[in-house]
Amino acid sequence: MNVHDIIKRPLITEKTNRQKEEYNQFVFEVSRDANRVQIKKAVEEIFKVNVIRVRTSQTKGKIKRRGNISGKRRDWKKAVVSVMPGERIGFFEGV
């Protein structure tokens, strides 16, 4: 699996901005079949940082209704990546 296939997109919310500033943690949406070791190697290779820890969680898609029609959003996987103190991922700076 290609490293760019593992890391799909960064998640930028108020909570993730607080995690970035206080705990030096960055949050990404990742491929559902990627494990922690693959995620760690992908982040280190793409962003040139040293990763301390990777935590993952599976997020179930919400069921949505519009009138009689119901549907479901897709399931996805989230990874919280902790990097060494003093290191930053430049992609998140200025956001």
PDB file of N, CA and C in Angstrom:
ATOM      1  N   MET A   1       0.846  -1.182   0.000  1.00  0.00           N
ATOM      2  CA  MET A   1       0.000   0.000   0.000  1.00  0.00           C
ATOM      3  C   MET A   1       0.892   1.246   0.000  1.00  0.00           C
ATOM      4  N   ASN A   2       0.563   2.192  -0.837  1.00  0.00           N
ATOM      5  CA  ASN A   2       1.288   3.453  -0.949  1.00  0.00           C
ATOM      6  C   ASN A   2       1.021   4.323   0.287  1.00  0.00           C
ATOM      7  N   VAL A   3       2.029   5.102   0.729  1.00  0.00           N
ATOM      8  CA  VAL A   3       1.856   5.936   1.925  1.00  0.00           C
ATOM      9  C   VAL A   3       0.776   6.988   1.718  1.00  0.00           C
ATOM     10  N   HIS A   4       0.590   7.457   0.501  1.00  0.00           N
ATOM     11  CA  HIS A   4      -0.447   8.451   0.241  1.00  0.00           C
ATOM     12  C   HIS A   4      -1.834   7.813   0.183  1.00  0.00           C
ATOM     13  N   ASP A   5      -1.904   6.503   0.037  1.00  0.00           N
ATOM     14  CA  ASP A   5      -3.187   5.802   0.125  1.00  0.00           C
ATOM     15  C   ASP A   5      -3.585   5.572   1.576  1.00  0.00           C
ATOM     16  N   ILE A   6      -2.607   5.509   2.471  1.00  0.00           N
ATOM     17  CA  ILE A   6      -2.886   5.289   3.889  1.00  0.00           C
ATOM     18  C   ILE A   6      -3.450   6.553   4.526  1.00  0.00           C
ATOM     19  N   ILE A   7      -2.769   7.693   4.345  1.00  0.00           N
ATOM     20  CA  ILE A   7      -3.213   8.965   4.906  1.00  0.00           C
ATOM     21  C   ILE A   7      -4.138   9.626   3.882  1.00  0.00           C
ATOM     22  N   LYS A   8      -5.433   9.723   4.218  1.00  0.00           N
ATOM     23  CA  LYS A   8      -6.383  10.288   3.263  1.00  0.00           C
ATOM     24  C   LYS A   8      -6.480  11.801   3.370  1.00  0.00           C
ATOM     25  N   ARG A   9      -6.677  12.316   4.602  1.00  0.00           N
ATOM     26  CA  ARG A   9      -6.806  13.763   4.768  1.00  0.00           C
ATOM     27  C   ARG A   9      -6.613  14.109   6.233  1.00  0.00           C
ATOM     28  N   PRO A  10      -6.206  15.336   6.527  1.00  0.00           N
ATOM     29  CA  PRO A  10      -6.145  15.771   7.927  1.00  0.00           C
ATOM     30  C   PRO A  10      -7.534  16.191   8.397  1.00  0.00           C
ATOM     31  N   LEU A  11      -7.784  16.039   9.687  1.00  0.00           N
ATOM     32  CA  LEU A  11      -9.039  16.492  10.270  1.00  0.00           C
ATOM     33  C   LEU A  11      -8.752  17.771  11.038  1.00  0.00           C
ATOM     34  N   ILE A  12      -9.400  18.853  10.645  1.00  0.00           N
ATOM     35  CA  ILE A  12      -9.162  20.151  11.262  1.00  0.00           C
ATOM     36  C   ILE A  12     -10.469  20.636  11.882  1.00  0.00           C
ATOM     37  N   THR A  13     -10.535  20.568  13.215  1.00  0.00           N
ATOM     38  CA  THR A  13     -11.683  21.038  13.973  1.00  0.00           C
ATOM     39  C   THR A  13     -11.158  21.821  15.169  1.00  0.00           C
ATOM     40  N   GLU A  14     -12.053  22.366  15.966  1.00  0.00           N
ATOM     41  CA  GLU A  14     -11.624  23.085  17.171  1.00  0.00           C
ATOM     42  C   GLU A  14     -10.927  22.135  18.142  1.00  0.00           C
ATOM     43  N   LYS A  15     -11.448  20.938  18.284  1.00  0.00           N
ATOM     44  CA  LYS A  15     -10.845  19.973  19.195  1.00  0.00           C
ATOM     45  C   LYS A  15      -9.449  19.555  18.714  1.00  0.00           C
ATOM     46  N   THR A  16      -9.290  19.288  17.420  1.00  0.00           N
ATOM     47  CA  THR A  16      -7.978  18.873  16.922  1.00  0.00           C
ATOM     48  C   THR A  16      -6.974  20.015  16.985  1.00  0.00           C
ATOM     49  N   ASN A  17      -7.419  21.261  16.825  1.00  0.00           N
ATOM     50  CA  ASN A  17      -6.510  22.398  16.983  1.00  0.00           C
ATOM     51  C   ASN A  17      -6.018  22.504  18.414  1.00  0.00           C
ATOM     52  N   ARG A  18      -6.896  22.241  19.374  1.00  0.00           N
ATOM     53  CA  ARG A  18      -6.491  22.263  20.778  1.00  0.00           C
ATOM     54  C   ARG A  18      -5.503  21.120  21.076  1.00  0.00           C
ATOM     55  N   GLN A  19      -5.754  19.945  20.505  1.00  0.00           N
ATOM     56  CA  GLN A  19      -4.833  18.821  20.679  1.00  0.00           C
ATOM     57  C   GLN A  19      -3.461  19.150  20.094  1.00  0.00           C
ATOM     58  N   LYS A  20      -3.457  19.815  18.965  1.00  0.00           N
ATOM     59  CA  LYS A  20      -2.198  20.181  18.310  1.00  0.00           C
ATOM     60  C   LYS A  20      -1.400  21.138  19.184  1.00  0.00           C
ATOM     61  N   GLU A  21      -2.064  22.138  19.749  1.00  0.00           N
ATOM     62  CA  GLU A  21      -1.367  23.155  20.537  1.00  0.00           C
ATOM     63  C   GLU A  21      -0.934  22.641  21.906  1.00  0.00           C
ATOM     64  N   GLU A  22      -1.801  21.900  22.589  1.00  0.00           N
ATOM     65  CA  GLU A  22      -1.515  21.495  23.960  1.00  0.00           C
ATOM     66  C   GLU A  22      -0.711  20.200  24.066  1.00  0.00           C
ATOM     67  N   TYR A  23      -1.009  19.220  23.201  1.00  0.00           N
ATOM     68  CA  TYR A  23      -0.425  17.898  23.360  1.00  0.00           C
ATOM     69  C   TYR A  23       0.475  17.468  22.206  1.00  0.00           C
ATOM     70  N   ASN A  24       0.632  18.313  21.187  1.00  0.00           N
ATOM     71  CA  ASN A  24       1.452  17.994  20.017  1.00  0.00           C
ATOM     72  C   ASN A  24       0.944  16.730  19.315  1.00  0.00           C
ATOM     73  N   GLN A  25      -0.383  16.656  19.145  1.00  0.00           N
ATOM     74  CA  GLN A  25      -1.030  15.535  18.478  1.00  0.00           C
ATOM     75  C   GLN A  25      -1.739  16.030  17.224  1.00  0.00           C
ATOM     76  N   PHE A  26      -1.699  15.203  16.195  1.00  0.00           N
ATOM     77  CA  PHE A  26      -2.309  15.547  14.920  1.00  0.00           C
ATOM     78  C   PHE A  26      -3.275  14.439  14.534  1.00  0.00           C
ATOM     79  N   VAL A  27      -4.399  14.806  13.918  1.00  0.00           N
ATOM     80  CA  VAL A  27      -5.465  13.845  13.627  1.00  0.00           C
ATOM     81  C   VAL A  27      -5.652  13.731  12.122  1.00  0.00           C
ATOM     82  N   PHE A  28      -5.744  12.495  11.643  1.00  0.00           N
ATOM     83  CA  PHE A  28      -5.900  12.212  10.221  1.00  0.00           C
ATOM     84  C   PHE A  28      -7.020  11.216  10.004  1.00  0.00           C
ATOM     85  N   GLU A  29      -7.669  11.308   8.841  1.00  0.00           N
ATOM     86  CA  GLU A  29      -8.517  10.214   8.374  1.00  0.00           C
ATOM     87  C   GLU A  29      -7.604   9.281   7.605  1.00  0.00           C
ATOM     88  N   VAL A  30      -7.667   7.999   7.921  1.00  0.00           N
ATOM     89  CA  VAL A  30      -6.762   7.023   7.311  1.00  0.00           C
ATOM     90  C   VAL A  30      -7.570   5.903   6.661  1.00  0.00           C
ATOM     91  N   SER A  31      -6.879   5.084   5.902  1.00  0.00           N
ATOM     92  CA  SER A  31      -7.503   3.937   5.253  1.00  0.00           C
ATOM     93  C   SER A  31      -8.010   2.964   6.311  1.00  0.00           C
ATOM     94  N   ARG A  32      -9.166   2.356   6.064  1.00  0.00           N
ATOM     95  CA  ARG A  32      -9.763   1.472   7.065  1.00  0.00           C
ATOM     96  C   ARG A  32      -8.967   0.198   7.284  1.00  0.00           C
ATOM     97  N   ASP A  33      -8.180  -0.229   6.319  1.00  0.00           N
ATOM     98  CA  ASP A  33      -7.419  -1.462   6.498  1.00  0.00           C
ATOM     99  C   ASP A  33      -5.960  -1.217   6.878  1.00  0.00           C
ATOM    100  N   ALA A  34      -5.595   0.010   7.216  1.00  0.00           N
ATOM    101  CA  ALA A  34      -4.227   0.326   7.654  1.00  0.00           C
ATOM    102  C   ALA A  34      -4.104   0.086   9.156  1.00  0.00           C
ATOM    103  N   ASN A  35      -2.942  -0.447   9.580  1.00  0.00           N
ATOM    104  CA  ASN A  35      -2.723  -0.639  11.012  1.00  0.00           C
ATOM    105  C   ASN A  35      -1.820   0.461  11.550  1.00  0.00           C
ATOM    106  N   ARG A  36      -1.539   0.415  12.866  1.00  0.00           N
ATOM    107  CA  ARG A  36      -0.787   1.487  13.512  1.00  0.00           C
ATOM    108  C   ARG A  36       0.639   1.613  12.979  1.00  0.00           C
ATOM    109  N   VAL A  37       1.275   0.494  12.703  1.00  0.00           N
ATOM    110  CA  VAL A  37       2.656   0.517  12.205  1.00  0.00           C
ATOM    111  C   VAL A  37       2.708   1.175  10.830  1.00  0.00           C
ATOM    112  N   GLN A  38       1.769   0.835   9.958  1.00  0.00           N
ATOM    113  CA  GLN A  38       1.714   1.435   8.629  1.00  0.00           C
ATOM    114  C   GLN A  38       1.429   2.934   8.710  1.00  0.00           C
ATOM    115  N   ILE A  39       0.540   3.326   9.612  1.00  0.00           N
ATOM    116  CA  ILE A  39       0.220   4.747   9.772  1.00  0.00           C
ATOM    117  C   ILE A  39       1.441   5.509  10.269  1.00  0.00           C
ATOM    118  N   LYS A  40       2.152   4.955  11.242  1.00  0.00           N
ATOM    119  CA  LYS A  40       3.357   5.594  11.780  1.00  0.00           C
ATOM    120  C   LYS A  40       4.405   5.794  10.691  1.00  0.00           C
ATOM    121  N   LYS A  41       4.671   4.754   9.902  1.00  0.00           N
ATOM    122  CA  LYS A  41       5.662   4.868   8.831  1.00  0.00           C
ATOM    123  C   LYS A  41       5.236   5.878   7.776  1.00  0.00           C
ATOM    124  N   ALA A  42       3.944   5.918   7.466  1.00  0.00           N
ATOM    125  CA  ALA A  42       3.451   6.847   6.449  1.00  0.00           C
ATOM    126  C   ALA A  42       3.611   8.292   6.916  1.00  0.00           C
ATOM    127  N   VAL A  43       3.256   8.594   8.169  1.00  0.00           N
ATOM    128  CA  VAL A  43       3.379   9.961   8.686  1.00  0.00           C
ATOM    129  C   VAL A  43       4.845  10.369   8.759  1.00  0.00           C
ATOM    130  N   GLU A  44       5.719   9.462   9.213  1.00  0.00           N
ATOM    131  CA  GLU A  44       7.141   9.789   9.288  1.00  0.00           C
ATOM    132  C   GLU A  44       7.729  10.041   7.910  1.00  0.00           C
ATOM    133  N   GLU A  45       7.298   9.275   6.917  1.00  0.00           N
ATOM    134  CA  GLU A  45       7.839   9.442   5.562  1.00  0.00           C
ATOM    135  C   GLU A  45       7.310  10.701   4.878  1.00  0.00           C
ATOM    136  N   ILE A  46       6.024  10.985   5.028  1.00  0.00           N
ATOM    137  CA  ILE A  46       5.426  12.125   4.337  1.00  0.00           C
ATOM    138  C   ILE A  46       5.850  13.446   4.975  1.00  0.00           C
ATOM    139  N   PHE A  47       5.788  13.533   6.319  1.00  0.00           N
ATOM    140  CA  PHE A  47       5.986  14.808   7.000  1.00  0.00           C
ATOM    141  C   PHE A  47       7.359  14.963   7.651  1.00  0.00           C
ATOM    142  N   LYS A  48       8.211  13.934   7.606  1.00  0.00           N
ATOM    143  CA  LYS A  48       9.595  13.999   8.145  1.00  0.00           C
ATOM    144  C   LYS A  48       9.611  14.380   9.620  1.00  0.00           C
ATOM    145  N   VAL A  49       8.815  13.663  10.436  1.00  0.00           N
ATOM    146  CA  VAL A  49       8.788  13.860  11.885  1.00  0.00           C
ATOM    147  C   VAL A  49       8.961  12.505  12.559  1.00  0.00           C
ATOM    148  N   ASN A  50       9.290  12.528  13.853  1.00  0.00           N
ATOM    149  CA  ASN A  50       9.390  11.302  14.637  1.00  0.00           C
ATOM    150  C   ASN A  50       8.092  11.099  15.402  1.00  0.00           C
ATOM    151  N   VAL A  51       7.453   9.967  15.177  1.00  0.00           N
ATOM    152  CA  VAL A  51       6.164   9.666  15.794  1.00  0.00           C
ATOM    153  C   VAL A  51       6.390   8.870  17.071  1.00  0.00           C
ATOM    154  N   ILE A  52       5.765   9.316  18.159  1.00  0.00           N
ATOM    155  CA  ILE A  52       5.855   8.612  19.438  1.00  0.00           C
ATOM    156  C   ILE A  52       4.783   7.525  19.523  1.00  0.00           C
ATOM    157  N   ARG A  53       3.547   7.894  19.194  1.00  0.00           N
ATOM    158  CA  ARG A  53       2.423   6.996  19.420  1.00  0.00           C
ATOM    159  C   ARG A  53       1.315   7.247  18.402  1.00  0.00           C
ATOM    160  N   VAL A  54       0.605   6.191  18.060  1.00  0.00           N
ATOM    161  CA  VAL A  54      -0.535   6.284  17.156  1.00  0.00           C
ATOM    162  C   VAL A  54      -1.732   5.608  17.820  1.00  0.00           C
ATOM    163  N   ARG A  55      -2.831   6.335  17.924  1.00  0.00           N
ATOM    164  CA  ARG A  55      -4.080   5.776  18.428  1.00  0.00           C
ATOM    165  C   ARG A  55      -5.099   5.813  17.302  1.00  0.00           C
ATOM    166  N   THR A  56      -5.855   4.738  17.144  1.00  0.00           N
ATOM    167  CA  THR A  56      -6.836   4.666  16.067  1.00  0.00           C
ATOM    168  C   THR A  56      -8.221   4.393  16.628  1.00  0.00           C
ATOM    169  N   SER A  57      -9.225   4.796  15.856  1.00  0.00           N
ATOM    170  CA  SER A  57     -10.605   4.471  16.214  1.00  0.00           C
ATOM    171  C   SER A  57     -11.430   4.339  14.944  1.00  0.00           C
ATOM    172  N   GLN A  58     -12.337   3.376  14.965  1.00  0.00           N
ATOM    173  CA  GLN A  58     -13.277   3.183  13.864  1.00  0.00           C
ATOM    174  C   GLN A  58     -14.500   4.046  14.139  1.00  0.00           C
ATOM    175  N   THR A  59     -14.923   4.818  13.166  1.00  0.00           N
ATOM    176  CA  THR A  59     -16.091   5.683  13.316  1.00  0.00           C
ATOM    177  C   THR A  59     -17.197   5.172  12.403  1.00  0.00           C
ATOM    178  N   LYS A  60     -18.331   4.881  12.995  1.00  0.00           N
ATOM    179  CA  LYS A  60     -19.467   4.399  12.221  1.00  0.00           C
ATOM    180  C   LYS A  60     -20.164   5.573  11.539  1.00  0.00           C
ATOM    181  N   GLY A  61     -20.623   5.354  10.315  1.00  0.00           N
ATOM    182  CA  GLY A  61     -21.357   6.392   9.597  1.00  0.00           C
ATOM    183  C   GLY A  61     -22.736   6.604  10.188  1.00  0.00           C
ATOM    184  N   LYS A  62     -23.172   7.849  10.216  1.00  0.00           N
ATOM    185  CA  LYS A  62     -24.481   8.168  10.782  1.00  0.00           C
ATOM    186  C   LYS A  62     -25.591   7.796   9.807  1.00  0.00           C
ATOM    187  N   ILE A  63     -26.734   7.436  10.360  1.00  0.00           N
ATOM    188  CA  ILE A  63     -27.919   7.189   9.542  1.00  0.00           C
ATOM    189  C   ILE A  63     -28.660   8.522   9.417  1.00  0.00           C
ATOM    190  N   LYS A  64     -28.924   8.918   8.204  1.00  0.00           N
ATOM    191  CA  LYS A  64     -29.583  10.196   7.929  1.00  0.00           C
ATOM    192  C   LYS A  64     -30.898   9.944   7.198  1.00  0.00           C
ATOM    193  N   ARG A  65     -31.881  10.797   7.480  1.00  0.00           N
ATOM    194  CA  ARG A  65     -33.169  10.703   6.814  1.00  0.00           C
ATOM    195  C   ARG A  65     -33.548  12.036   6.216  1.00  0.00           C
ATOM    196  N   ARG A  66     -34.183  11.961   5.100  1.00  0.00           N
ATOM    197  CA  ARG A  66     -34.776  13.149   4.479  1.00  0.00           C
ATOM    198  C   ARG A  66     -36.152  12.718   3.992  1.00  0.00           C
ATOM    199  N   GLY A  67     -37.149  13.009   4.826  1.00  0.00           N
ATOM    200  CA  GLY A  67     -38.496  12.547   4.504  1.00  0.00           C
ATOM    201  C   GLY A  67     -38.583  11.040   4.677  1.00  0.00           C
ATOM    202  N   ASN A  68     -39.096  10.355   3.654  1.00  0.00           N
ATOM    203  CA  ASN A  68     -39.214   8.900   3.694  1.00  0.00           C
ATOM    204  C   ASN A  68     -37.926   8.200   3.306  1.00  0.00           C
ATOM    205  N   ILE A  69     -37.017   8.915   2.708  1.00  0.00           N
ATOM    206  CA  ILE A  69     -35.785   8.309   2.205  1.00  0.00           C
ATOM    207  C   ILE A  69     -34.738   8.315   3.312  1.00  0.00           C
ATOM    208  N   SER A  70     -34.174   7.155   3.582  1.00  0.00           N
ATOM    209  CA  SER A  70     -33.113   7.082   4.587  1.00  0.00           C
ATOM    210  C   SER A  70     -31.847   6.562   3.929  1.00  0.00           C
ATOM    211  N   GLY A  71     -30.736   6.994   4.453  1.00  0.00           N
ATOM    212  CA  GLY A  71     -29.451   6.581   3.930  1.00  0.00           C
ATOM    213  C   GLY A  71     -28.430   6.522   5.044  1.00  0.00           C
ATOM    214  N   LYS A  72     -27.205   6.143   4.701  1.00  0.00           N
ATOM    215  CA  LYS A  72     -26.167   6.011   5.706  1.00  0.00           C
ATOM    216  C   LYS A  72     -24.880   6.606   5.155  1.00  0.00           C
ATOM    217  N   ARG A  73     -24.216   7.390   6.002  1.00  0.00           N
ATOM    218  CA  ARG A  73     -22.902   7.906   5.622  1.00  0.00           C
ATOM    219  C   ARG A  73     -21.889   6.780   5.732  1.00  0.00           C
ATOM    220  N   ARG A  74     -20.754   6.951   5.104  1.00  0.00           N
ATOM    221  CA  ARG A  74     -19.758   5.879   5.074  1.00  0.00           C
ATOM    222  C   ARG A  74     -19.047   5.746   6.424  1.00  0.00           C
ATOM    223  N   ASP A  75     -18.582   4.536   6.726  1.00  0.00           N
ATOM    224  CA  ASP A  75     -17.757   4.289   7.898  1.00  0.00           C
ATOM    225  C   ASP A  75     -16.335   4.723   7.570  1.00  0.00           C
ATOM    226  N   TRP A  76     -15.578   5.187   8.589  1.00  0.00           N
ATOM    227  CA  TRP A  76     -14.216   5.640   8.354  1.00  0.00           C
ATOM    228  C   TRP A  76     -13.360   5.422   9.583  1.00  0.00           C
ATOM    229  N   LYS A  77     -12.045   5.585   9.418  1.00  0.00           N
ATOM    230  CA  LYS A  77     -11.102   5.343  10.496  1.00  0.00           C
ATOM    231  C   LYS A  77     -10.316   6.614  10.771  1.00  0.00           C
ATOM    232  N   LYS A  78     -10.116   6.908  12.057  1.00  0.00           N
ATOM    233  CA  LYS A  78      -9.414   8.115  12.482  1.00  0.00           C
ATOM    234  C   LYS A  78      -8.150   7.698  13.220  1.00  0.00           C
ATOM    235  N   ALA A  79      -7.053   8.442  13.007  1.00  0.00           N
ATOM    236  CA  ALA A  79      -5.795   8.187  13.698  1.00  0.00           C
ATOM    237  C   ALA A  79      -5.323   9.465  14.380  1.00  0.00           C
ATOM    238  N   VAL A  80      -4.998   9.357  15.675  1.00  0.00           N
ATOM    239  CA  VAL A  80      -4.415  10.460  16.433  1.00  0.00           C
ATOM    240  C   VAL A  80      -2.938  10.149  16.579  1.00  0.00           C
ATOM    241  N   VAL A  81      -2.091  11.008  16.006  1.00  0.00           N
ATOM    242  CA  VAL A  81      -0.652  10.774  15.949  1.00  0.00           C
ATOM    243  C   VAL A  81       0.050  11.751  16.885  1.00  0.00           C
ATOM    244  N   SER A  82       0.823  11.219  17.838  1.00  0.00           N
ATOM    245  CA  SER A  82       1.623  12.045  18.749  1.00  0.00           C
ATOM    246  C   SER A  82       3.050  12.098  18.223  1.00  0.00           C
ATOM    247  N   VAL A  83       3.590  13.306  18.085  1.00  0.00           N
ATOM    248  CA  VAL A  83       4.959  13.461  17.594  1.00  0.00           C
ATOM    249  C   VAL A  83       5.862  13.960  18.724  1.00  0.00           C
ATOM    250  N   MET A  84       7.169  13.870  18.494  1.00  0.00           N
ATOM    251  CA  MET A  84       8.148  14.266  19.506  1.00  0.00           C
ATOM    252  C   MET A  84       7.963  15.738  19.880  1.00  0.00           C
ATOM    253  N   PRO A  85       8.227  16.097  21.149  1.00  0.00           N
ATOM    254  CA  PRO A  85       8.117  17.503  21.556  1.00  0.00           C
ATOM    255  C   PRO A  85       9.051  18.387  20.734  1.00  0.00           C
ATOM    256  N   GLY A  86       8.532  19.528  20.319  1.00  0.00           N
ATOM    257  CA  GLY A  86       9.320  20.462  19.524  1.00  0.00           C
ATOM    258  C   GLY A  86       9.180  20.268  18.028  1.00  0.00           C
ATOM    259  N   GLU A  87       8.663  19.127  17.586  1.00  0.00           N
ATOM    260  CA  GLU A  87       8.477  18.888  16.157  1.00  0.00           C
ATOM    261  C   GLU A  87       7.065  19.290  15.758  1.00  0.00           C
ATOM    262  N   ARG A  88       6.923  19.771  14.540  1.00  0.00           N
ATOM    263  CA  ARG A  88       5.635  20.201  14.017  1.00  0.00           C
ATOM    264  C   ARG A  88       5.437  19.641  12.620  1.00  0.00           C
ATOM    265  N   ILE A  89       4.187  19.486  12.250  1.00  0.00           N
ATOM    266  CA  ILE A  89       3.837  19.135  10.880  1.00  0.00           C
ATOM    267  C   ILE A  89       3.452  20.431  10.199  1.00  0.00           C
ATOM    268  N   GLY A  90       4.204  20.822   9.196  1.00  0.00           N
ATOM    269  CA  GLY A  90       4.029  22.107   8.544  1.00  0.00           C
ATOM    270  C   GLY A  90       2.685  22.289   7.878  1.00  0.00           C
ATOM    271  N   PHE A  91       2.037  21.203   7.526  1.00  0.00           N
ATOM    272  CA  PHE A  91       0.732  21.269   6.865  1.00  0.00           C
ATOM    273  C   PHE A  91      -0.292  21.951   7.765  1.00  0.00           C
ATOM    274  N   PHE A  92      -0.195  21.778   9.084  1.00  0.00           N
ATOM    275  CA  PHE A  92      -1.179  22.309  10.004  1.00  0.00           C
ATOM    276  C   PHE A  92      -0.877  23.731  10.447  1.00  0.00           C
ATOM    277  N   GLU A  93       0.297  24.248  10.175  1.00  0.00           N
ATOM    278  CA  GLU A  93       0.661  25.592  10.628  1.00  0.00           C
ATOM    279  C   GLU A  93      -0.146  26.637   9.857  1.00  0.00           C
ATOM    280  N   GLY A  94      -0.655  27.617  10.576  1.00  0.00           N
ATOM    281  CA  GLY A  94      -1.402  28.694   9.950  1.00  0.00           C
ATOM    282  C   GLY A  94      -2.850  28.373   9.655  1.00  0.00           C
ATOM    283  N   VAL A  95      -3.334  27.215  10.128  1.00  0.00           N
ATOM    284  CA  VAL A  95      -4.722  26.833   9.880  1.00  0.00           C
ATOM    285  C   VAL A  95      -5.574  27.295  11.033  1.00  0.00           C
TER     286      VAL A  95
END
